[in-house]
Each structure stands twice: as structure tokens, then as C-alpha cells.
N, C-alpha and C. Protein backbone atom coordinates (compact mmCIF):
# COMPACT_ATOMS: atom_id res chain seq x y z
N MET A 1 0.84 -1.19 0.00
CA MET A 1 0.00 0.00 0.00
C MET A 1 0.88 1.25 0.00
N GLN A 2 0.57 2.17 -0.88
CA GLN A 2 1.33 3.41 -0.94
C GLN A 2 0.65 4.48 -0.10
N VAL A 3 1.45 5.18 0.66
CA VAL A 3 0.94 6.18 1.59
C VAL A 3 1.12 7.57 0.99
N PRO A 4 0.07 8.42 1.02
CA PRO A 4 0.21 9.79 0.51
C PRO A 4 1.27 10.57 1.29
N PHE A 5 1.93 11.48 0.61
CA PHE A 5 3.01 12.28 1.17
C PHE A 5 2.62 12.92 2.51
N GLY A 6 1.49 13.57 2.56
CA GLY A 6 1.07 14.27 3.78
C GLY A 6 0.80 13.35 4.96
N GLU A 7 0.45 12.11 4.70
CA GLU A 7 0.14 11.17 5.79
C GLU A 7 1.39 10.62 6.46
N TRP A 8 2.47 10.42 5.73
CA TRP A 8 3.67 9.86 6.36
C TRP A 8 4.65 10.92 6.83
N LEU A 9 4.39 12.15 6.46
CA LEU A 9 5.29 13.24 6.82
C LEU A 9 5.57 13.37 8.33
N PRO A 10 4.57 13.26 9.20
CA PRO A 10 4.85 13.44 10.64
C PRO A 10 5.83 12.41 11.22
N ASP A 11 5.97 11.27 10.59
CA ASP A 11 6.85 10.22 11.10
C ASP A 11 8.27 10.29 10.55
N GLN A 12 8.58 11.30 9.78
CA GLN A 12 9.86 11.36 9.09
C GLN A 12 10.90 12.17 9.86
N PRO A 13 12.16 11.99 9.47
CA PRO A 13 13.25 12.74 10.12
C PRO A 13 13.11 14.25 9.93
N GLU A 14 13.89 14.98 10.65
CA GLU A 14 13.86 16.44 10.65
C GLU A 14 13.90 17.07 9.27
N HIS A 15 14.65 16.50 8.34
CA HIS A 15 14.79 17.12 7.02
C HIS A 15 13.52 17.03 6.17
N LEU A 16 12.49 16.35 6.66
CA LEU A 16 11.22 16.29 5.93
C LEU A 16 10.06 16.84 6.75
N LYS A 17 10.34 17.77 7.61
CA LYS A 17 9.32 18.43 8.42
C LYS A 17 8.83 19.69 7.71
N PRO A 18 7.68 20.23 8.10
CA PRO A 18 7.23 21.50 7.51
C PRO A 18 8.33 22.56 7.60
N GLY A 19 8.51 23.26 6.51
CA GLY A 19 9.55 24.28 6.41
C GLY A 19 10.81 23.77 5.74
N ALA A 20 10.96 22.44 5.66
CA ALA A 20 12.14 21.87 5.01
C ALA A 20 12.03 22.04 3.50
N LYS A 21 13.15 21.93 2.83
CA LYS A 21 13.21 22.14 1.38
C LYS A 21 13.27 20.82 0.63
N LEU A 22 12.64 20.80 -0.53
CA LEU A 22 12.74 19.70 -1.49
C LEU A 22 13.35 20.27 -2.76
N TYR A 23 14.12 19.45 -3.46
CA TYR A 23 14.81 19.89 -4.68
C TYR A 23 14.60 18.87 -5.79
N ASN A 24 14.77 19.33 -7.03
CA ASN A 24 14.89 18.36 -8.12
C ASN A 24 16.33 17.84 -8.08
N ASN A 25 16.65 16.87 -8.90
CA ASN A 25 17.96 16.24 -8.80
C ASN A 25 19.14 17.14 -9.20
N LYS A 26 18.87 18.28 -9.82
CA LYS A 26 19.93 19.22 -10.18
C LYS A 26 19.93 20.46 -9.29
N LYS A 27 19.02 20.47 -8.34
CA LYS A 27 18.85 21.61 -7.42
C LYS A 27 18.49 22.90 -8.14
N SER A 28 17.89 22.79 -9.32
CA SER A 28 17.48 23.99 -10.02
C SER A 28 16.09 24.45 -9.60
N TYR A 29 15.34 23.60 -8.90
CA TYR A 29 14.05 23.98 -8.34
C TYR A 29 14.04 23.62 -6.86
N LYS A 30 13.50 24.54 -6.04
CA LYS A 30 13.44 24.32 -4.61
C LYS A 30 12.02 24.61 -4.14
N ALA A 31 11.42 23.64 -3.47
CA ALA A 31 10.08 23.80 -2.93
C ALA A 31 10.15 23.67 -1.41
N THR A 32 9.13 24.16 -0.74
CA THR A 32 9.07 24.11 0.72
C THR A 32 7.92 23.21 1.15
N ILE A 33 8.18 22.33 2.11
CA ILE A 33 7.14 21.46 2.65
C ILE A 33 6.27 22.27 3.59
N LEU A 34 4.95 22.17 3.42
CA LEU A 34 3.99 22.88 4.27
C LEU A 34 3.39 21.92 5.29
N SER A 35 2.81 22.46 6.33
CA SER A 35 2.31 21.64 7.44
C SER A 35 1.16 20.71 7.05
N ASP A 36 0.45 21.02 5.99
CA ASP A 36 -0.67 20.17 5.57
C ASP A 36 -0.24 19.06 4.61
N GLY A 37 1.07 18.95 4.34
CA GLY A 37 1.57 17.91 3.44
C GLY A 37 1.69 18.34 1.99
N SER A 38 1.26 19.56 1.70
CA SER A 38 1.46 20.08 0.35
C SER A 38 2.84 20.76 0.32
N ILE A 39 3.22 21.23 -0.86
CA ILE A 39 4.48 21.96 -0.98
C ILE A 39 4.21 23.27 -1.70
N SER A 40 5.12 24.20 -1.54
CA SER A 40 4.99 25.48 -2.24
C SER A 40 6.25 25.74 -3.05
N TYR A 41 6.02 26.34 -4.21
CA TYR A 41 7.10 26.76 -5.09
C TYR A 41 6.70 28.11 -5.66
N LYS A 42 7.50 29.12 -5.38
CA LYS A 42 7.17 30.50 -5.75
C LYS A 42 5.79 30.82 -5.21
N ASN A 43 4.84 31.18 -6.05
CA ASN A 43 3.49 31.52 -5.57
C ASN A 43 2.50 30.38 -5.73
N GLU A 44 2.98 29.19 -6.02
CA GLU A 44 2.11 28.02 -6.21
C GLU A 44 2.15 27.13 -4.98
N ARG A 45 1.01 26.50 -4.72
CA ARG A 45 0.89 25.57 -3.61
C ARG A 45 0.13 24.36 -4.13
N GLY A 46 0.60 23.16 -3.81
CA GLY A 46 -0.11 21.97 -4.26
C GLY A 46 0.61 20.71 -3.84
N SER A 47 0.17 19.61 -4.39
CA SER A 47 0.76 18.31 -4.07
C SER A 47 2.16 18.21 -4.68
N ILE A 48 2.91 17.20 -4.24
CA ILE A 48 4.24 16.98 -4.81
C ILE A 48 4.14 16.73 -6.31
N HIS A 49 3.03 16.14 -6.75
CA HIS A 49 2.82 15.83 -8.17
C HIS A 49 2.46 17.09 -8.96
N LYS A 50 1.55 17.89 -8.41
CA LYS A 50 1.12 19.10 -9.09
C LYS A 50 2.27 20.09 -9.29
N ILE A 51 3.07 20.28 -8.26
CA ILE A 51 4.18 21.24 -8.37
C ILE A 51 5.28 20.69 -9.29
N ALA A 52 5.53 19.39 -9.24
CA ALA A 52 6.50 18.79 -10.17
C ALA A 52 6.03 18.96 -11.61
N ALA A 53 4.74 18.78 -11.86
CA ALA A 53 4.19 18.97 -13.21
C ALA A 53 4.34 20.43 -13.64
N LYS A 54 4.08 21.34 -12.73
CA LYS A 54 4.18 22.77 -13.06
C LYS A 54 5.60 23.14 -13.48
N VAL A 55 6.61 22.74 -12.72
CA VAL A 55 7.98 23.14 -13.06
C VAL A 55 8.47 22.41 -14.30
N ASN A 56 7.87 21.27 -14.63
CA ASN A 56 8.24 20.53 -15.84
C ASN A 56 7.34 20.85 -17.02
N LYS A 57 6.43 21.80 -16.81
CA LYS A 57 5.53 22.28 -17.88
C LYS A 57 4.78 21.14 -18.56
N THR A 58 4.14 20.32 -17.72
CA THR A 58 3.35 19.20 -18.22
C THR A 58 2.09 19.09 -17.37
N SER A 59 1.16 18.25 -17.78
CA SER A 59 -0.10 18.13 -17.04
C SER A 59 -0.02 17.20 -15.85
N SER A 60 0.92 16.26 -15.87
CA SER A 60 1.09 15.37 -14.72
C SER A 60 2.55 14.96 -14.61
N PHE A 61 2.95 14.60 -13.39
CA PHE A 61 4.34 14.22 -13.16
C PHE A 61 4.39 13.46 -11.84
N ASN A 62 5.27 12.48 -11.73
CA ASN A 62 5.40 11.71 -10.50
C ASN A 62 6.31 12.47 -9.53
N GLY A 63 5.71 13.09 -8.55
CA GLY A 63 6.46 13.86 -7.57
C GLY A 63 7.35 13.01 -6.68
N TRP A 64 6.97 11.75 -6.46
CA TRP A 64 7.79 10.85 -5.64
C TRP A 64 9.17 10.66 -6.25
N ASP A 65 9.23 10.56 -7.55
CA ASP A 65 10.51 10.37 -8.23
C ASP A 65 11.23 11.69 -8.50
N TYR A 66 10.49 12.78 -8.55
CA TYR A 66 11.08 14.07 -8.91
C TYR A 66 11.76 14.77 -7.73
N TRP A 67 11.11 14.78 -6.57
CA TRP A 67 11.60 15.57 -5.45
C TRP A 67 12.61 14.81 -4.60
N HIS A 68 13.61 15.54 -4.13
CA HIS A 68 14.69 15.02 -3.30
C HIS A 68 14.84 15.92 -2.07
N TYR A 69 15.40 15.35 -1.02
CA TYR A 69 15.78 16.15 0.13
C TYR A 69 17.29 16.05 0.31
N GLU A 70 17.83 16.97 1.06
CA GLU A 70 19.26 16.97 1.31
C GLU A 70 19.53 16.33 2.67
N ASP A 71 20.31 15.26 2.70
CA ASP A 71 20.60 14.59 3.97
C ASP A 71 21.68 15.35 4.74
N LYS A 72 22.06 14.83 5.89
CA LYS A 72 23.04 15.51 6.75
C LYS A 72 24.40 15.70 6.07
N LYS A 73 24.71 14.84 5.10
CA LYS A 73 25.98 14.94 4.39
C LYS A 73 25.86 15.78 3.11
N LYS A 74 24.70 16.45 2.95
CA LYS A 74 24.42 17.32 1.79
C LYS A 74 24.22 16.53 0.50
N ASN A 75 23.94 15.23 0.61
CA ASN A 75 23.61 14.41 -0.57
C ASN A 75 22.12 14.52 -0.84
N LEU A 76 21.75 14.54 -2.11
CA LEU A 76 20.34 14.54 -2.45
C LEU A 76 19.81 13.11 -2.45
N VAL A 77 18.67 12.92 -1.78
CA VAL A 77 18.04 11.61 -1.68
C VAL A 77 16.60 11.74 -2.16
N CYS A 78 16.20 10.88 -3.07
CA CYS A 78 14.84 10.90 -3.61
C CYS A 78 13.85 10.54 -2.51
N ILE A 79 12.76 11.29 -2.39
CA ILE A 79 11.78 11.00 -1.35
C ILE A 79 11.13 9.64 -1.55
N ASN A 80 11.15 9.11 -2.77
CA ASN A 80 10.58 7.79 -3.01
C ASN A 80 11.39 6.70 -2.31
N GLU A 81 12.67 6.94 -2.05
CA GLU A 81 13.49 5.97 -1.34
C GLU A 81 12.98 5.76 0.08
N ILE A 82 12.53 6.82 0.72
CA ILE A 82 11.96 6.70 2.07
C ILE A 82 10.62 5.97 2.00
N ARG A 83 9.81 6.32 1.02
CA ARG A 83 8.49 5.69 0.89
C ARG A 83 8.63 4.20 0.66
N LYS A 84 9.62 3.77 -0.10
CA LYS A 84 9.82 2.35 -0.36
C LYS A 84 10.11 1.58 0.92
N LYS A 85 10.75 2.23 1.90
CA LYS A 85 11.10 1.59 3.15
C LYS A 85 9.93 1.46 4.11
N MET A 86 8.88 2.20 3.86
CA MET A 86 7.73 2.19 4.77
C MET A 86 6.87 0.96 4.60
């Protein structure tokens, strides 16, 4: 069973708490995690999928594969890697 981003967020490490940043794999886009499980990018607010689609100029996009967080060693880690472990 796959868990929606906002539902598993409270159980995650500090780098995935509200206010934390998410990046694409090249760090050319940076979004902020919001307390309701959505993310914001510039003046847009929405799901990880909606915002990934917006920055990629398409109608849909898999946000699980697109967004990454920066671990303590400053390495980018795909958020889908955490979801796979759940």
C-alpha cells in the first residue's frame, strides 16, 4: 500500500518536516514542505505531483521520483526511497 506524502510526513526525520526544502535532482528547483503535506514553489501551492508537473511544464508528473531532500551529508536523496522503506 502506498501512503500519501502528507500522511507519512509526521513520522519522518527532521529534514522532511514542515519548512524543510525539497529539490529536483539538479537543485534547479526548490520547494518548501507545508504543514498540511502540500508543498509550495514561488506563488504556487499543491501536491508533490502538481508542483513537479508545473515546473516541468506538463499536465502530470510523479512527484515521488522528482523531489529530493538533502541529507546531513548534503547528498540529495529521492523522497521515493523513504516511501519504499515504509
